[in-house]
Amino acid sequence: MALQSPFFGKRETETPAARTIPPTQAGRIGPLTATPPTPATTVAPPETPAAVPTKDKDARPGADSLLKVGPLIHLKGVEITDCDTLFVEGTVEATMDSRVMEIAPPGRFKGAAEIDIAEIHGHFEGTLTVRDRLVIHPTGRVTGTVRYGKISIAEGGQLSGDVGLLATPSSRAASTAT
């Protein structure tokens, strides 16, 4: 039976408590050392600076969250949230809401994604909503339902399926007014 590693579970923050060394081991160097017993020795924990947790992203510049799926990784059946940047070299079958997604040439994404900026060098299949800019490079292929704010397709890039311009709040208001 395998034990759960703290690597995968939530770590509790603990302050190390003072240890008391028993008198029989306080002066002991080796198994044959004959030293008289001494009173118990107290060892204080090392001083550590107080960590101030921050929940505001703006307070930590450059602390964007990045998820990189390597070339031999197959990530299936997940929902990706709170990810600023997704970089795919392997295969991902998921739903996600992110800021930036880049699919490298060997990479594949299958599922639904809502993002600000998408750079496609590999393959995307599914429902893709790009709020700002979609860039399909010469090796990129996108199939499925695609909505975008702005689009750029390099020579050789492929786009097929139900493709359309993303309705902006001002265009939605104009269409409901008529």
C-alpha atoms as a PDB file:
ATOM      1  CA  MET A   1       0.000   0.000   0.000  1.00  0.00           C
ATOM      2  CA  ALA A   2       1.462   3.339  -1.046  1.00  0.00           C
ATOM      3  CA  LEU A   3       1.427   6.317   1.273  1.00  0.00           C
ATOM      4  CA  GLN A   4       0.282   9.673   0.027  1.00  0.00           C
ATOM      5  CA  SER A   5       3.165  12.029  -0.550  1.00  0.00           C
ATOM      6  CA  PRO A   6       2.859  15.581   0.841  1.00  0.00           C
ATOM      7  CA  PHE A   7       3.884  16.690  -2.661  1.00  0.00           C
ATOM      8  CA  PHE A   8       0.356  16.024  -3.926  1.00  0.00           C
ATOM      9  CA  GLY A   9      -1.568  17.039  -0.817  1.00  0.00           C
ATOM     10  CA  LYS A  10      -1.987  20.389   0.835  1.00  0.00           C
ATOM     11  CA  ARG A  11       0.899  21.234   3.076  1.00  0.00           C
ATOM     12  CA  GLU A  12       0.176  22.648   6.448  1.00  0.00           C
ATOM     13  CA  THR A  13       2.452  25.469   7.577  1.00  0.00           C
ATOM     14  CA  GLU A  14       4.048  24.491  10.822  1.00  0.00           C
ATOM     15  CA  THR A  15       6.404  26.325  13.105  1.00  0.00           C
ATOM     16  CA  PRO A  16       9.105  24.015  14.352  1.00  0.00           C
ATOM     17  CA  ALA A  17       8.782  23.519  18.083  1.00  0.00           C
ATOM     18  CA  ALA A  18      11.669  23.373  20.497  1.00  0.00           C
ATOM     19  CA  ARG A  19      13.163  19.881  20.797  1.00  0.00           C
ATOM     20  CA  THR A  20      14.349  18.363  23.997  1.00  0.00           C
ATOM     21  CA  ILE A  21      17.304  16.012  23.746  1.00  0.00           C
ATOM     22  CA  PRO A  22      17.173  13.314  26.426  1.00  0.00           C
ATOM     23  CA  PRO A  23      20.018  13.432  28.985  1.00  0.00           C
ATOM     24  CA  THR A  24      21.268  10.018  27.878  1.00  0.00           C
ATOM     25  CA  GLN A  25      22.009  11.275  24.350  1.00  0.00           C
ATOM     26  CA  ALA A  26      23.058  14.884  24.991  1.00  0.00           C
ATOM     27  CA  GLY A  27      26.783  14.178  25.288  1.00  0.00           C
ATOM     28  CA  ARG A  28      26.921  10.964  23.262  1.00  0.00           C
ATOM     29  CA  ILE A  29      29.192  10.911  20.226  1.00  0.00           C
ATOM     30  CA  GLY A  30      29.326   7.204  19.482  1.00  0.00           C
ATOM     31  CA  PRO A  31      28.120   3.949  20.951  1.00  0.00           C
ATOM     32  CA  LEU A  32      31.220   3.405  23.145  1.00  0.00           C
ATOM     33  CA  THR A  33      31.663   6.918  24.508  1.00  0.00           C
ATOM     34  CA  ALA A  34      31.398   6.968  28.259  1.00  0.00           C
ATOM     35  CA  THR A  35      30.308  10.435  29.320  1.00  0.00           C
ATOM     36  CA  PRO A  36      28.450  11.227  32.461  1.00  0.00           C
ATOM     37  CA  PRO A  37      24.752  12.001  31.996  1.00  0.00           C
ATOM     38  CA  THR A  38      23.977  15.683  31.641  1.00  0.00           C
ATOM     39  CA  PRO A  39      20.718  17.517  32.192  1.00  0.00           C
ATOM     40  CA  ALA A  40      18.316  17.808  29.224  1.00  0.00           C
ATOM     41  CA  THR A  41      19.369  20.303  26.587  1.00  0.00           C
ATOM     42  CA  THR A  42      16.784  22.454  24.817  1.00  0.00           C
ATOM     43  CA  VAL A  43      17.373  23.334  21.174  1.00  0.00           C
ATOM     44  CA  ALA A  44      15.397  26.330  19.909  1.00  0.00           C
ATOM     45  CA  PRO A  45      13.937  26.332  16.376  1.00  0.00           C
ATOM     46  CA  PRO A  46      15.739  28.507  13.826  1.00  0.00           C
ATOM     47  CA  GLU A  47      14.398  32.006  13.289  1.00  0.00           C
ATOM     48  CA  THR A  48      12.403  32.339  10.063  1.00  0.00           C
ATOM     49  CA  PRO A  49      11.053  35.569   8.642  1.00  0.00           C
ATOM     50  CA  ALA A  50       7.290  35.889   8.692  1.00  0.00           C
ATOM     51  CA  ALA A  51       5.762  35.140   5.307  1.00  0.00           C
ATOM     52  CA  VAL A  52       3.078  37.546   4.208  1.00  0.00           C
ATOM     53  CA  PRO A  53       0.583  35.769   1.947  1.00  0.00           C
ATOM     54  CA  THR A  54      -0.719  37.836  -0.941  1.00  0.00           C
ATOM     55  CA  LYS A  55      -3.837  37.001  -2.887  1.00  0.00           C
ATOM     56  CA  ASP A  56      -3.665  39.985  -5.199  1.00  0.00           C
ATOM     57  CA  LYS A  57      -1.833  39.210  -8.461  1.00  0.00           C
ATOM     58  CA  ASP A  58      -0.843  42.848  -8.901  1.00  0.00           C
ATOM     59  CA  ALA A  59       1.144  42.700  -5.655  1.00  0.00           C
ATOM     60  CA  ARG A  60       3.481  40.079  -7.176  1.00  0.00           C
ATOM     61  CA  PRO A  61       4.652  41.264 -10.607  1.00  0.00           C
ATOM     62  CA  GLY A  62       5.864  38.464 -12.862  1.00  0.00           C
ATOM     63  CA  ALA A  63       4.071  35.791 -10.832  1.00  0.00           C
ATOM     64  CA  ASP A  64       1.858  34.593 -13.677  1.00  0.00           C
ATOM     65  CA  SER A  65       0.742  30.996 -13.441  1.00  0.00           C
ATOM     66  CA  LEU A  66       2.047  28.816 -16.264  1.00  0.00           C
ATOM     67  CA  LEU A  67       1.025  25.273 -17.124  1.00  0.00           C
ATOM     68  CA  LYS A  68       3.356  23.512 -19.544  1.00  0.00           C
ATOM     69  CA  VAL A  69       2.313  20.140 -20.962  1.00  0.00           C
ATOM     70  CA  GLY A  70       5.442  18.428 -22.298  1.00  0.00           C
ATOM     71  CA  PRO A  71       5.726  16.515 -25.576  1.00  0.00           C
ATOM     72  CA  LEU A  72       5.118  13.024 -24.153  1.00  0.00           C
ATOM     73  CA  ILE A  73       2.316  14.055 -21.762  1.00  0.00           C
ATOM     74  CA  HIS A  74      -1.355  13.228 -22.370  1.00  0.00           C
ATOM     75  CA  LEU A  75      -3.641  15.244 -20.070  1.00  0.00           C
ATOM     76  CA  LYS A  76      -7.247  14.065 -20.344  1.00  0.00           C
ATOM     77  CA  GLY A  77     -10.585  14.925 -18.762  1.00  0.00           C
ATOM     78  CA  VAL A  78      -9.681  18.002 -16.732  1.00  0.00           C
ATOM     79  CA  GLU A  79     -10.928  21.515 -16.201  1.00  0.00           C
ATOM     80  CA  ILE A  80      -8.104  24.052 -16.194  1.00  0.00           C
ATOM     81  CA  THR A  81      -8.810  27.159 -14.131  1.00  0.00           C
ATOM     82  CA  ASP A  82      -6.736  30.029 -12.719  1.00  0.00           C
ATOM     83  CA  CYS A  83      -4.061  29.489 -15.371  1.00  0.00           C
ATOM     84  CA  ASP A  84      -2.618  32.611 -16.975  1.00  0.00           C
ATOM     85  CA  THR A  85      -0.675  30.779 -19.695  1.00  0.00           C
ATOM     86  CA  LEU A  86      -1.073  27.268 -21.104  1.00  0.00           C
ATOM     87  CA  PHE A  87       1.766  25.932 -23.263  1.00  0.00           C
ATOM     88  CA  VAL A  88       0.979  22.632 -24.999  1.00  0.00           C
ATOM     89  CA  GLU A  89       3.583  20.367 -26.596  1.00  0.00           C
ATOM     90  CA  GLY A  90       1.764  17.122 -25.768  1.00  0.00           C
ATOM     91  CA  THR A  91      -1.948  16.303 -25.865  1.00  0.00           C
ATOM     92  CA  VAL A  92      -4.617  18.004 -23.756  1.00  0.00           C
ATOM     93  CA  GLU A  93      -8.298  17.040 -23.654  1.00  0.00           C
ATOM     94  CA  ALA A  94      -9.903  19.605 -21.368  1.00  0.00           C
ATOM     95  CA  THR A  95     -12.038  22.658 -20.825  1.00  0.00           C
ATOM     96  CA  MET A  96     -10.313  25.845 -19.817  1.00  0.00           C
ATOM     97  CA  ASP A  97     -10.580  29.565 -19.245  1.00  0.00           C
ATOM     98  CA  SER A  98      -7.229  31.286 -19.488  1.00  0.00           C
ATOM     99  CA  ARG A  99      -5.452  34.413 -20.574  1.00  0.00           C
ATOM    100  CA  VAL A 100      -2.946  32.990 -23.110  1.00  0.00           C
ATOM    101  CA  MET A 101      -2.713  29.627 -24.860  1.00  0.00           C
ATOM    102  CA  GLU A 102       0.094  28.493 -27.130  1.00  0.00           C
ATOM    103  CA  ILE A 103       0.010  25.151 -28.882  1.00  0.00           C
ATOM    104  CA  ALA A 104       3.470  24.168 -30.161  1.00  0.00           C
ATOM    105  CA  PRO A 105       3.901  22.202 -33.455  1.00  0.00           C
ATOM    106  CA  PRO A 106       3.605  18.705 -31.970  1.00  0.00           C
ATOM    107  CA  GLY A 107       0.880  19.812 -29.525  1.00  0.00           C
ATOM    108  CA  ARG A 108      -2.831  19.025 -29.663  1.00  0.00           C
ATOM    109  CA  PHE A 109      -5.744  20.488 -27.710  1.00  0.00           C
ATOM    110  CA  LYS A 110      -9.200  18.933 -27.855  1.00  0.00           C
ATOM    111  CA  GLY A 111     -12.102  20.434 -25.952  1.00  0.00           C
ATOM    112  CA  ALA A 112     -13.417  23.888 -25.129  1.00  0.00           C
ATOM    113  CA  ALA A 113     -11.317  26.967 -24.413  1.00  0.00           C
ATOM    114  CA  GLU A 114     -12.104  30.590 -23.643  1.00  0.00           C
ATOM    115  CA  ILE A 115      -8.989  32.733 -23.793  1.00  0.00           C
ATOM    116  CA  ASP A 116      -7.703  36.217 -24.536  1.00  0.00           C
ATOM    117  CA  ILE A 117      -4.830  35.356 -26.909  1.00  0.00           C
ATOM    118  CA  ALA A 118      -4.262  32.082 -28.783  1.00  0.00           C
ATOM    119  CA  GLU A 119      -1.149  31.173 -30.783  1.00  0.00           C
ATOM    120  CA  ILE A 120      -1.700  27.933 -32.688  1.00  0.00           C
ATOM    121  CA  HIS A 121       1.319  26.141 -34.166  1.00  0.00           C
ATOM    122  CA  GLY A 122      -0.155  22.659 -33.558  1.00  0.00           C
ATOM    123  CA  HIS A 123      -3.745  21.391 -33.662  1.00  0.00           C
ATOM    124  CA  PHE A 124      -6.901  22.612 -31.910  1.00  0.00           C
ATOM    125  CA  GLU A 125     -10.203  20.740 -32.146  1.00  0.00           C
ATOM    126  CA  GLY A 126     -13.389  21.795 -30.388  1.00  0.00           C
ATOM    127  CA  THR A 127     -14.940  25.059 -29.257  1.00  0.00           C
ATOM    128  CA  LEU A 128     -12.536  27.995 -29.206  1.00  0.00           C
ATOM    129  CA  THR A 129     -13.512  31.470 -28.033  1.00  0.00           C
ATOM    130  CA  VAL A 130     -10.708  34.021 -28.329  1.00  0.00           C
ATOM    131  CA  ARG A 131     -11.663  37.329 -26.759  1.00  0.00           C
ATOM    132  CA  ASP A 132      -8.769  39.320 -28.240  1.00  0.00           C
ATOM    133  CA  ARG A 133      -6.435  37.797 -30.867  1.00  0.00           C
ATOM    134  CA  LEU A 134      -6.227  34.409 -32.613  1.00  0.00           C
ATOM    135  CA  VAL A 135      -3.019  33.675 -34.534  1.00  0.00           C
ATOM    136  CA  ILE A 136      -2.783  30.531 -36.660  1.00  0.00           C
ATOM    137  CA  HIS A 137       0.778  29.858 -37.804  1.00  0.00           C
ATOM    138  CA  PRO A 138       1.787  27.916 -40.978  1.00  0.00           C
ATOM    139  CA  THR A 139       1.787  24.562 -39.144  1.00  0.00           C
ATOM    140  CA  GLY A 140      -1.407  25.356 -37.197  1.00  0.00           C
ATOM    141  CA  ARG A 141      -4.783  23.727 -37.740  1.00  0.00           C
ATOM    142  CA  VAL A 142      -8.020  24.760 -35.992  1.00  0.00           C
ATOM    143  CA  THR A 143     -11.297  22.877 -36.458  1.00  0.00           C
ATOM    144  CA  GLY A 144     -14.643  23.246 -34.726  1.00  0.00           C
ATOM    145  CA  THR A 145     -16.645  26.213 -33.494  1.00  0.00           C
ATOM    146  CA  VAL A 146     -14.425  29.304 -33.423  1.00  0.00           C
ATOM    147  CA  ARG A 147     -15.266  32.824 -32.254  1.00  0.00           C
ATOM    148  CA  TYR A 148     -12.597  35.523 -32.242  1.00  0.00           C
ATOM    149  CA  GLY A 149     -12.033  39.243 -31.718  1.00  0.00           C
ATOM    150  CA  LYS A 150      -9.168  39.569 -34.241  1.00  0.00           C
ATOM    151  CA  ILE A 151      -7.632  36.867 -36.417  1.00  0.00           C
ATOM    152  CA  SER A 152      -4.387  36.299 -38.283  1.00  0.00           C
ATOM    153  CA  ILE A 153      -3.785  33.210 -40.418  1.00  0.00           C
ATOM    154  CA  ALA A 154      -0.339  32.665 -41.908  1.00  0.00           C
ATOM    155  CA  GLU A 155       0.061  31.009 -45.304  1.00  0.00           C
ATOM    156  CA  GLY A 156      -0.333  27.281 -44.711  1.00  0.00           C
ATOM    157  CA  GLY A 157      -2.449  27.664 -41.573  1.00  0.00           C
ATOM    158  CA  GLN A 158      -5.850  25.940 -41.642  1.00  0.00           C
ATOM    159  CA  LEU A 159      -9.176  26.998 -40.155  1.00  0.00           C
ATOM    160  CA  SER A 160     -12.401  25.050 -40.666  1.00  0.00           C
ATOM    161  CA  GLY A 161     -15.797  24.674 -39.039  1.00  0.00           C
ATOM    162  CA  ASP A 162     -18.292  27.222 -37.728  1.00  0.00           C
ATOM    163  CA  VAL A 163     -16.158  30.368 -37.711  1.00  0.00           C
ATOM    164  CA  GLY A 164     -17.334  33.842 -36.766  1.00  0.00           C
ATOM    165  CA  LEU A 165     -16.473  37.188 -35.281  1.00  0.00           C
ATOM    166  CA  LEU A 166     -16.985  37.403 -31.527  1.00  0.00           C
ATOM    167  CA  ALA A 167     -19.851  39.712 -30.671  1.00  0.00           C
ATOM    168  CA  THR A 168     -18.529  42.700 -28.731  1.00  0.00           C
ATOM    169  CA  PRO A 169     -20.671  44.347 -26.022  1.00  0.00           C
ATOM    170  CA  SER A 170     -21.301  47.387 -28.279  1.00  0.00           C
ATOM    171  CA  SER A 171     -22.433  45.231 -31.241  1.00  0.00           C
ATOM    172  CA  ARG A 172     -24.732  43.199 -28.975  1.00  0.00           C
ATOM    173  CA  ALA A 173     -26.344  46.414 -27.703  1.00  0.00           C
ATOM    174  CA  ALA A 174     -26.823  47.679 -31.284  1.00  0.00           C
ATOM    175  CA  SER A 175     -28.435  44.405 -32.417  1.00  0.00           C
ATOM    176  CA  THR A 176     -30.893  44.381 -29.511  1.00  0.00           C
ATOM    177  CA  ALA A 177     -31.834  48.027 -30.101  1.00  0.00           C
ATOM    178  CA  THR A 178     -33.092  47.384 -33.646  1.00  0.00           C
END
